[in-house]
Amino acid sequence: MQGKKNYQEKLFAHFQLSDRIPKNNFYRRLKEVLELRFLYSLTKKYYGESGQKSIDPVVFFKLCLVGYLENIISDRDLILHSSLRLDILYFLEYDIDEELPWHSTISRTRQLFPESVFEEVFTKILTMCVEKGMVSGHTQVIDSAPVKANASMDSLELKVPKEDLEAHLKSIRHMSSMDKEAKPIRQSKVNKASKEQQEITASDKELQAIKSRNKKWSKDQDRRPGAGNKGSKYTSNKTHYSPTDPDARISVKPGKARKLNYMSQLSVDTAHHVITDIWAYHADKKDNQYLEDIVNRLKLRLHKQGLIWRNCLADTGYSSGENYAFLEQVGLQSYIPPHGTYKGGPDGFTYNKEQDYYLCPQGEIIPFKKVFYEKKNHTKKKEYRASSKLCKCCPIRQSCLGKSAQEKKFTVTYYREEYERAIARVESKQGKYMKAKRQSTVEPVFGTLTQFRGLRKINIIGIKQANKVMHMSAIAYNLKKYLKFILKTVKSDAKAMHHLLSVLKAQYKLKTRLLVPV
């Protein structure tokens, strides 16, 4: 017999969320293990004594967490999505007839709490992972990735003094019709940059470099395919800034268009790929300039967790003599391959470590002269120089010195010995193992954060706010790992217990048979 459903909404109904959420539901399991009541005392000082009650800080963090677990970066979409999910309402401890907070409340509360509160929550989740044995601590992998800022390249403005700079740029470069326009394509409604951020920081030499970088462009840029695309303007952090988000910086990856980004620096433990540290930095510097700050912060965090850090893994972008020396100073073994441009000295020259000189192919000594700092990168170097009399009658003078030089002179990094030790570690059997470990550890984590944990774009303004976004994304990732790990542990424990009971049962049957008389 055919059935037909007739629906009529009831005026009164007995309904409990706890009865409708399955026992193995993700948010039900998360609610059982996640304890955030410490937030009440932690955030109390940020509220006044009078006025209307604000959103519960625990509810706020749970709502934010849902957003990153569900890969939703819009606060408005997050509230709409959560209101339609019974398991999320149960996780938030909201009944079906209760209104969720207004989406703007989430934005205002996020701005109210400082970075330290979000970092405290991250540390709490990390402690949970440590207590379950998910973090070994001895080997950490460090890597970075640019994350798109909430600002457009079309809204970029020239730094002041605008008149002088504009006149200079017009005189040294070819202009397209887009560049000749008096105003940017998409002008910002409000200029949020401070006076210092609007002032030009480029020297005359750096401005002159714009000319050489852009010579490859044709005189009429409008005829070039793709000239009208976003980011095709001549832009530099030295000459341009974003009035929408002054903390965002122009950066580019090979094969990609220029964008306004933040730099996410990430540290991952190799045991179970748990994130041990994450922080937002400006995207206009190299990775090796941030390594010391990352190591100091991560070393302190691991020490508080009772873990000892021994091995530091990173890619070539973090290599420098200063970093190698720093890591040795703090007692860490680095597995960071040096840049391909590194050389221990000129080709064919032999170094004498005891007396600190080089021996040229003709057997002449090239002595050490001085230590100095290179102006361009401010790197510490050593200069070696021979006398002009020594090189005057040399049979290989022309091939060794060239046309104009009178004596052999060259510079070598001050940290030559640190480089050599680092190269030896990287090229060892252990170093090759560490390279494979690094590639299989941190790269999948970054892919998960950007594709599934809401880190594809920073949806708020400012580097401090970006830091909060990165911490929440890492918290969501670690919690997902945590729940998966404890579920696997429970299943393995149950399997082991079942096996133990089977063995005991078999032993009992055997003893019973032996005791029975024939």
Foldseek 3Di string as FASTA:
>chain_A
DDDDDDDDDDPDDDDDLVVVDDPPDPLNVVLVPDDDPVVCVVCVVLDDPDDDDADDPVLLLLLLLVCQQFQHQQLQVSQVVLLVDSSSCVSSVHDNPDRDDDSVSSVVVLVSDFLVSLVVLLLVLVLLCVVVVQFQQAEKEKDKDWAFEPAFLQQKDWAPPPVVLVVLLVVQAADEPQRPDPHGPDHDPAQQDDNVLRHADDDPVRSNVLNVVHPVQDNHNVVPPPCPPGQNDSDASRTIAHSVFRQWHWDDDVPGGIGGTWMKMWMFGLRLLATQDIAIHHPPDFPLVCVVVVCVVSCVSCVVSVHDYAEYEYEQSNDDLVVLVVCVVVRHQYLYAHDPPADLDDPQWDADPVQGWIQHVVRDTFHWDDWDADPPVRFIKTKTWDDLVVLVPDPCNCVQPNDPDSTDMDIHGPNSVSNVVNNVCCPDPNNVVVVVSNVVRVPVVVVCLCPRRNRNHQNDHDRRSVRSSVSSSSSSVSSVSSVVVVVVVVVVVVVVVVVVVVVVVVVVVVVVVVPDDD
